[in-house]
PDB file of N, CA and C in Angstrom:
ATOM      1  N   MET A   1       0.441  -1.061  -0.004  1.00  0.00           N
ATOM      2  CA  MET A   1      -0.425  -0.253   0.332  1.00  0.00           C
ATOM      3  C   MET A   1       1.291   0.697   0.352  1.00  0.00           C
ATOM      4  N   LYS A   2       0.901   2.547  -1.245  1.00  0.00           N
ATOM      5  CA  LYS A   2       1.586   3.391  -0.825  1.00  0.00           C
ATOM      6  C   LYS A   2       0.212   4.593  -0.167  1.00  0.00           C
ATOM      7  N   ILE A   3       1.398   5.258   0.776  1.00  0.00           N
ATOM      8  CA  ILE A   3       0.588   5.706   2.102  1.00  0.00           C
ATOM      9  C   ILE A   3       1.116   7.252   1.750  1.00  0.00           C
ATOM     10  N   TYR A   4      -0.286   8.109   1.992  1.00  0.00           N
ATOM     11  CA  TYR A   4       0.361   9.702   1.704  1.00  0.00           C
ATOM     12  C   TYR A   4       0.169  10.715   3.245  1.00  0.00           C
ATOM     13  N   THR A   5       1.245  11.074   3.115  1.00  0.00           N
ATOM     14  CA  THR A   5       2.381  11.964   4.968  1.00  0.00           C
ATOM     15  C   THR A   5       1.380  13.315   4.772  1.00  0.00           C
ATOM     16  N   PHE A   6       0.401  13.752   5.770  1.00  0.00           N
ATOM     17  CA  PHE A   6      -0.267  14.735   5.525  1.00  0.00           C
ATOM     18  C   PHE A   6       0.603  15.682   7.274  1.00  0.00           C
ATOM     19  N   ALA A   7       0.325  17.235   7.328  1.00  0.00           N
ATOM     20  CA  ALA A   7       0.421  17.678   8.663  1.00  0.00           C
ATOM     21  C   ALA A   7      -0.550  18.747   7.977  1.00  0.00           C
ATOM     22  N   SER A   8      -1.262  19.010   9.933  1.00  0.00           N
ATOM     23  CA  SER A   8      -2.689  19.397  10.137  1.00  0.00           C
ATOM     24  C   SER A   8      -1.487  21.013   9.836  1.00  0.00           C
ATOM     25  N   GLU A   9      -2.723  21.996   9.454  1.00  0.00           N
ATOM     26  CA  GLU A   9      -1.816  23.240   9.240  1.00  0.00           C
ATOM     27  C   GLU A   9      -2.671  24.117  10.575  1.00  0.00           C
ATOM     28  N   ALA A  10      -3.077  23.445  11.100  1.00  0.00           N
ATOM     29  CA  ALA A  10      -3.510  24.170  12.644  1.00  0.00           C
ATOM     30  C   ALA A  10      -2.850  24.372  13.795  1.00  0.00           C
ATOM     31  N   PRO A  11      -2.491  24.959  15.100  1.00  0.00           N
ATOM     32  CA  PRO A  11      -1.296  24.874  15.493  1.00  0.00           C
ATOM     33  C   PRO A  11      -1.566  23.728  16.561  1.00  0.00           C
ATOM     34  N   SER A  12      -1.783  22.634  16.247  1.00  0.00           N
ATOM     35  CA  SER A  12      -1.952  21.460  16.921  1.00  0.00           C
ATOM     36  C   SER A  12      -0.566  20.390  16.966  1.00  0.00           C
ATOM     37  N   ARG A  13       0.346  20.356  15.928  1.00  0.00           N
ATOM     38  CA  ARG A  13       1.301  19.842  16.080  1.00  0.00           C
ATOM     39  C   ARG A  13       0.432  18.350  15.142  1.00  0.00           C
ATOM     40  N   LEU A  14      -0.626  17.951  14.845  1.00  0.00           N
ATOM     41  CA  LEU A  14      -1.600  16.934  14.642  1.00  0.00           C
ATOM     42  C   LEU A  14      -0.621  16.566  13.014  1.00  0.00           C
ATOM     43  N   PHE A  15      -0.481  14.868  12.718  1.00  0.00           N
ATOM     44  CA  PHE A  15      -0.057  15.084  11.383  1.00  0.00           C
ATOM     45  C   PHE A  15      -0.415  13.401  10.917  1.00  0.00           C
ATOM     46  N   ALA A  16      -0.512  13.174   9.662  1.00  0.00           N
ATOM     47  CA  ALA A  16      -1.522  11.832   9.712  1.00  0.00           C
ATOM     48  C   ALA A  16      -1.502  11.140   8.337  1.00  0.00           C
ATOM     49  N   PHE A  17      -1.113   9.757   7.956  1.00  0.00           N
ATOM     50  CA  PHE A  17      -0.961   9.162   7.055  1.00  0.00           C
ATOM     51  C   PHE A  17      -2.598   8.474   6.192  1.00  0.00           C
ATOM     52  N   ALA A  18      -2.760   7.960   5.591  1.00  0.00           N
ATOM     53  CA  ALA A  18      -4.007   8.052   4.390  1.00  0.00           C
ATOM     54  C   ALA A  18      -3.945   7.543   3.415  1.00  0.00           C
ATOM     55  N   GLY A  19      -4.647   7.141   2.660  1.00  0.00           N
ATOM     56  CA  GLY A  19      -4.664   5.620   1.615  1.00  0.00           C
ATOM     57  C   GLY A  19      -4.528   6.476   0.095  1.00  0.00           C
ATOM     58  N   ASP A  20      -5.361   7.812  -0.007  1.00  0.00           N
ATOM     59  CA  ASP A  20      -5.389   8.889  -0.494  1.00  0.00           C
ATOM     60  C   ASP A  20      -4.537   9.902  -0.920  1.00  0.00           C
ATOM     61  N   ARG A  21      -4.175  10.193  -1.994  1.00  0.00           N
ATOM     62  CA  ARG A  21      -3.263  11.813  -2.472  1.00  0.00           C
ATOM     63  C   ARG A  21      -4.010  12.535  -1.444  1.00  0.00           C
ATOM     64  N   ALA A  22      -5.317  12.534  -2.027  1.00  0.00           N
ATOM     65  CA  ALA A  22      -6.269  13.993  -1.593  1.00  0.00           C
ATOM     66  C   ALA A  22      -6.558  13.931  -0.126  1.00  0.00           C
ATOM     67  N   GLY A  23      -6.185  12.953   0.300  1.00  0.00           N
ATOM     68  CA  GLY A  23      -6.522  12.726   1.981  1.00  0.00           C
ATOM     69  C   GLY A  23      -8.210  13.328   1.922  1.00  0.00           C
ATOM     70  N   SER A  24      -8.708  12.762   1.817  1.00  0.00           N
ATOM     71  CA  SER A  24     -10.078  13.055   1.412  1.00  0.00           C
ATOM     72  C   SER A  24     -10.902  12.707   2.996  1.00  0.00           C
ATOM     73  N   SER A  25     -10.086  11.222   3.285  1.00  0.00           N
ATOM     74  CA  SER A  25     -10.811  10.791   4.560  1.00  0.00           C
ATOM     75  C   SER A  25     -10.246  11.460   6.119  1.00  0.00           C
ATOM     76  N   LEU A  26      -9.679  12.371   6.135  1.00  0.00           N
ATOM     77  CA  LEU A  26      -9.147  13.294   6.831  1.00  0.00           C
ATOM     78  C   LEU A  26     -10.053  13.592   7.697  1.00  0.00           C
ATOM     79  N   PRO A  27      -9.821  14.067   9.609  1.00  0.00           N
ATOM     80  CA  PRO A  27     -10.726  14.775   9.986  1.00  0.00           C
ATOM     81  C   PRO A  27     -10.822  16.245   9.444  1.00  0.00           C
ATOM     82  N   ALA A  28     -11.873  17.108   9.303  1.00  0.00           N
ATOM     83  CA  ALA A  28     -11.764  18.110   8.469  1.00  0.00           C
ATOM     84  C   ALA A  28     -11.488  18.839  10.184  1.00  0.00           C
ATOM     85  N   GLN A  29     -12.158  18.336  11.288  1.00  0.00           N
ATOM     86  CA  GLN A  29     -12.431  19.361  12.645  1.00  0.00           C
ATOM     87  C   GLN A  29     -10.342  19.596  12.735  1.00  0.00           C
ATOM     88  N   HIS A  30      -9.246  19.290  12.506  1.00  0.00           N
ATOM     89  CA  HIS A  30      -8.377  19.024  12.830  1.00  0.00           C
ATOM     90  C   HIS A  30      -7.458  19.791  11.547  1.00  0.00           C
ATOM     91  N   GLY A  31      -8.222  20.067  10.472  1.00  0.00           N
ATOM     92  CA  GLY A  31      -7.040  20.545   9.459  1.00  0.00           C
ATOM     93  C   GLY A  31      -7.570  21.973   9.333  1.00  0.00           C
ATOM     94  N   PRO A  32      -6.971  22.215   8.165  1.00  0.00           N
ATOM     95  CA  PRO A  32      -6.633  22.203   7.124  1.00  0.00           C
ATOM     96  C   PRO A  32      -5.371  21.120   7.072  1.00  0.00           C
ATOM     97  N   TRP A  33      -5.658  20.284   5.706  1.00  0.00           N
ATOM     98  CA  TRP A  33      -4.342  19.328   5.911  1.00  0.00           C
ATOM     99  C   TRP A  33      -3.570  19.751   4.753  1.00  0.00           C
ATOM    100  N   LYS A  34      -2.325  19.531   5.070  1.00  0.00           N
ATOM    101  CA  LYS A  34      -1.324  19.689   3.830  1.00  0.00           C
ATOM    102  C   LYS A  34      -0.493  18.446   3.697  1.00  0.00           C
ATOM    103  N   SER A  35      -0.561  18.058   1.799  1.00  0.00           N
ATOM    104  CA  SER A  35       0.521  16.935   2.032  1.00  0.00           C
ATOM    105  C   SER A  35       1.826  16.797   2.502  1.00  0.00           C
ATOM    106  N   VAL A  36       2.717  16.432   2.843  1.00  0.00           N
ATOM    107  CA  VAL A  36       3.901  16.488   2.906  1.00  0.00           C
ATOM    108  C   VAL A  36       4.285  15.428   2.152  1.00  0.00           C
ATOM    109  N   GLY A  37       4.424  14.664   1.666  1.00  0.00           N
ATOM    110  CA  GLY A  37       5.073  13.092   1.706  1.00  0.00           C
ATOM    111  C   GLY A  37       4.195  12.227   1.293  1.00  0.00           C
ATOM    112  N   GLU A  38       5.029  11.143   1.314  1.00  0.00           N
ATOM    113  CA  GLU A  38       4.064   9.874   0.339  1.00  0.00           C
ATOM    114  C   GLU A  38       5.286   8.845   0.825  1.00  0.00           C
ATOM    115  N   LEU A  39       4.787   6.963   0.900  1.00  0.00           N
ATOM    116  CA  LEU A  39       5.734   6.119   1.241  1.00  0.00           C
ATOM    117  C   LEU A  39       5.431   5.234   0.189  1.00  0.00           C
ATOM    118  N   GLY A  40       6.420   4.831  -0.328  1.00  0.00           N
ATOM    119  CA  GLY A  40       5.997   3.406  -1.065  1.00  0.00           C
ATOM    120  C   GLY A  40       5.909   2.318  -0.309  1.00  0.00           C
ATOM    121  N   ARG A  41       5.621   0.853  -0.846  1.00  0.00           N
ATOM    122  CA  ARG A  41       4.953  -0.068  -0.900  1.00  0.00           C
ATOM    123  C   ARG A  41       6.223  -0.559   0.111  1.00  0.00           C
ATOM    124  N   ASN A  42       6.975  -0.594   0.642  1.00  0.00           N
ATOM    125  CA  ASN A  42       8.031  -1.301   0.992  1.00  0.00           C
ATOM    126  C   ASN A  42       8.885  -0.058   2.345  1.00  0.00           C
ATOM    127  N   GLU A  43       8.977   1.180   1.842  1.00  0.00           N
ATOM    128  CA  GLU A  43       9.622   2.098   2.796  1.00  0.00           C
ATOM    129  C   GLU A  43       8.489   1.824   4.324  1.00  0.00           C
ATOM    130  N   GLN A  44      10.375   2.244   5.542  1.00  0.00           N
ATOM    131  CA  GLN A  44       9.960   2.028   6.526  1.00  0.00           C
ATOM    132  C   GLN A  44       9.127   3.569   6.791  1.00  0.00           C
ATOM    133  N   ILE A  45       8.411   3.901   8.052  1.00  0.00           N
ATOM    134  CA  ILE A  45       7.733   4.791   8.478  1.00  0.00           C
ATOM    135  C   ILE A  45       9.056   5.902   9.655  1.00  0.00           C
ATOM    136  N   GLN A  46       8.577   6.796   9.383  1.00  0.00           N
ATOM    137  CA  GLN A  46       9.549   7.267  10.333  1.00  0.00           C
ATOM    138  C   GLN A  46       8.935   7.873  11.287  1.00  0.00           C
ATOM    139  N   HIS A  47       9.953   7.613  12.657  1.00  0.00           N
ATOM    140  CA  HIS A  47       9.368   7.827  14.259  1.00  0.00           C
ATOM    141  C   HIS A  47       9.632   6.668  15.190  1.00  0.00           C
ATOM    142  N   GLY A  48       9.938   5.492  14.120  1.00  0.00           N
ATOM    143  CA  GLY A  48       9.666   4.367  14.765  1.00  0.00           C
ATOM    144  C   GLY A  48       7.702   3.873  15.212  1.00  0.00           C
ATOM    145  N   LEU A  49       6.896   4.261  14.278  1.00  0.00           N
ATOM    146  CA  LEU A  49       5.504   3.827  14.140  1.00  0.00           C
ATOM    147  C   LEU A  49       5.378   2.560  13.068  1.00  0.00           C
ATOM    148  N   ASP A  50       4.628   1.788  13.105  1.00  0.00           N
ATOM    149  CA  ASP A  50       4.552   0.569  13.019  1.00  0.00           C
ATOM    150  C   ASP A  50       3.633   0.648  11.262  1.00  0.00           C
ATOM    151  N   ARG A  51       4.253   0.336  10.064  1.00  0.00           N
ATOM    152  CA  ARG A  51       3.966   0.083   9.293  1.00  0.00           C
ATOM    153  C   ARG A  51       2.870  -0.401   8.813  1.00  0.00           C
ATOM    154  N   ARG A  52       2.576  -1.784   9.638  1.00  0.00           N
ATOM    155  CA  ARG A  52       1.827  -2.903   9.873  1.00  0.00           C
ATOM    156  C   ARG A  52       0.025  -2.040  10.283  1.00  0.00           C
ATOM    157  N   GLN A  53       0.563  -1.572  11.244  1.00  0.00           N
ATOM    158  CA  GLN A  53      -0.747  -0.796  12.264  1.00  0.00           C
ATOM    159  C   GLN A  53      -1.393   0.695  11.698  1.00  0.00           C
ATOM    160  N   VAL A  54      -0.484   1.114  10.864  1.00  0.00           N
ATOM    161  CA  VAL A  54      -0.728   2.366  10.459  1.00  0.00           C
ATOM    162  C   VAL A  54      -1.951   1.566   9.326  1.00  0.00           C
ATOM    163  N   GLU A  55      -0.858   0.578   8.108  1.00  0.00           N
ATOM    164  CA  GLU A  55      -1.944   0.854   6.802  1.00  0.00           C
ATOM    165  C   GLU A  55      -3.009  -0.363   7.864  1.00  0.00           C
ATOM    166  N   GLN A  56      -2.607  -0.777   8.889  1.00  0.00           N
ATOM    167  CA  GLN A  56      -4.831  -1.616   9.161  1.00  0.00           C
ATOM    168  C   GLN A  56      -5.775  -0.086   9.670  1.00  0.00           C
ATOM    169  N   ALA A  57      -4.646   1.150   9.786  1.00  0.00           N
ATOM    170  CA  ALA A  57      -5.792   2.024  10.619  1.00  0.00           C
ATOM    171  C   ALA A  57      -6.434   2.070   9.357  1.00  0.00           C
ATOM    172  N   ILE A  58      -5.726   2.604   8.368  1.00  0.00           N
ATOM    173  CA  ILE A  58      -6.182   3.388   7.507  1.00  0.00           C
ATOM    174  C   ILE A  58      -7.139   2.812   6.259  1.00  0.00           C
ATOM    175  N   CYS A  59      -6.733   0.837   6.544  1.00  0.00           N
ATOM    176  CA  CYS A  59      -7.817   0.034   5.702  1.00  0.00           C
ATOM    177  C   CYS A  59      -9.559   0.360   6.660  1.00  0.00           C
ATOM    178  N   GLU A  60      -9.300   0.609   8.016  1.00  0.00           N
ATOM    179  CA  GLU A  60     -10.562   0.471   8.991  1.00  0.00           C
ATOM    180  C   GLU A  60     -11.293   2.063   8.909  1.00  0.00           C
ATOM    181  N   HIS A  61     -10.758   2.591   8.914  1.00  0.00           N
ATOM    182  CA  HIS A  61     -10.588   4.152   9.428  1.00  0.00           C
ATOM    183  C   HIS A  61     -10.505   5.511   7.746  1.00  0.00           C
ATOM    184  N   GLY A  62      -9.669   5.068   7.163  1.00  0.00           N
ATOM    185  CA  GLY A  62      -8.760   6.003   6.459  1.00  0.00           C
ATOM    186  C   GLY A  62      -8.109   6.758   6.444  1.00  0.00           C
ATOM    187  N   TYR A  63      -7.418   6.594   7.629  1.00  0.00           N
ATOM    188  CA  TYR A  63      -6.321   7.531   7.645  1.00  0.00           C
ATOM    189  C   TYR A  63      -5.702   6.955   8.822  1.00  0.00           C
ATOM    190  N   GLN A  64      -4.180   7.327   9.571  1.00  0.00           N
ATOM    191  CA  GLN A  64      -3.904   7.425  11.328  1.00  0.00           C
ATOM    192  C   GLN A  64      -3.379   8.602  11.514  1.00  0.00           C
ATOM    193  N   MET A  65      -3.453   9.924  12.617  1.00  0.00           N
ATOM    194  CA  MET A  65      -3.372  10.160  13.030  1.00  0.00           C
ATOM    195  C   MET A  65      -2.107  10.399  14.266  1.00  0.00           C
ATOM    196  N   TRP A  66      -0.913  11.339  14.560  1.00  0.00           N
ATOM    197  CA  TRP A  66      -0.138  10.881  15.766  1.00  0.00           C
ATOM    198  C   TRP A  66       0.441  12.587  15.405  1.00  0.00           C
ATOM    199  N   ARG A  67       0.982  12.938  16.774  1.00  0.00           N
ATOM    200  CA  ARG A  67       0.856  14.064  17.211  1.00  0.00           C
ATOM    201  C   ARG A  67       2.654  13.821  17.647  1.00  0.00           C
ATOM    202  N   MET A  68       3.462  14.864  17.180  1.00  0.00           N
ATOM    203  CA  MET A  68       5.040  15.277  17.129  1.00  0.00           C
ATOM    204  C   MET A  68       5.128  16.409  18.202  1.00  0.00           C
ATOM    205  N   LYS A  69       6.214  15.342  19.266  1.00  0.00           N
ATOM    206  CA  LYS A  69       6.094  15.803  21.152  1.00  0.00           C
ATOM    207  C   LYS A  69       6.854  16.712  20.395  1.00  0.00           C
ATOM    208  N   LYS A  70       6.846  17.932  20.725  1.00  0.00           N
ATOM    209  CA  LYS A  70       7.253  18.896  21.193  1.00  0.00           C
ATOM    210  C   LYS A  70       9.329  18.521  22.501  1.00  0.00           C
ATOM    211  N   ALA A  71      10.109  19.304  21.270  1.00  0.00           N
ATOM    212  CA  ALA A  71      11.669  18.948  21.738  1.00  0.00           C
ATOM    213  C   ALA A  71      11.736  19.456  23.444  1.00  0.00           C
ATOM    214  N   PRO A  72      13.088  18.690  24.056  1.00  0.00           N
ATOM    215  CA  PRO A  72      12.523  18.650  24.946  1.00  0.00           C
ATOM    216  C   PRO A  72      13.714  19.888  25.512  1.00  0.00           C
TER     217      PRO A  72
END
């Protein structure tokens, strides 16, 4: 599965993965969303996130969100 990555333009530090380039399933209340990249079928997901879990969430819900922690 190709995975598309998005960043919320709201000040929430939220990011998301989706299965479509437009991010049509991303929750509007956390947007607007900006496309920031894509991952091929065999590429690792950054920040230690488990690709199988992300793919499962995309299949079940259409997206997987995550929050970037502030640097100490």
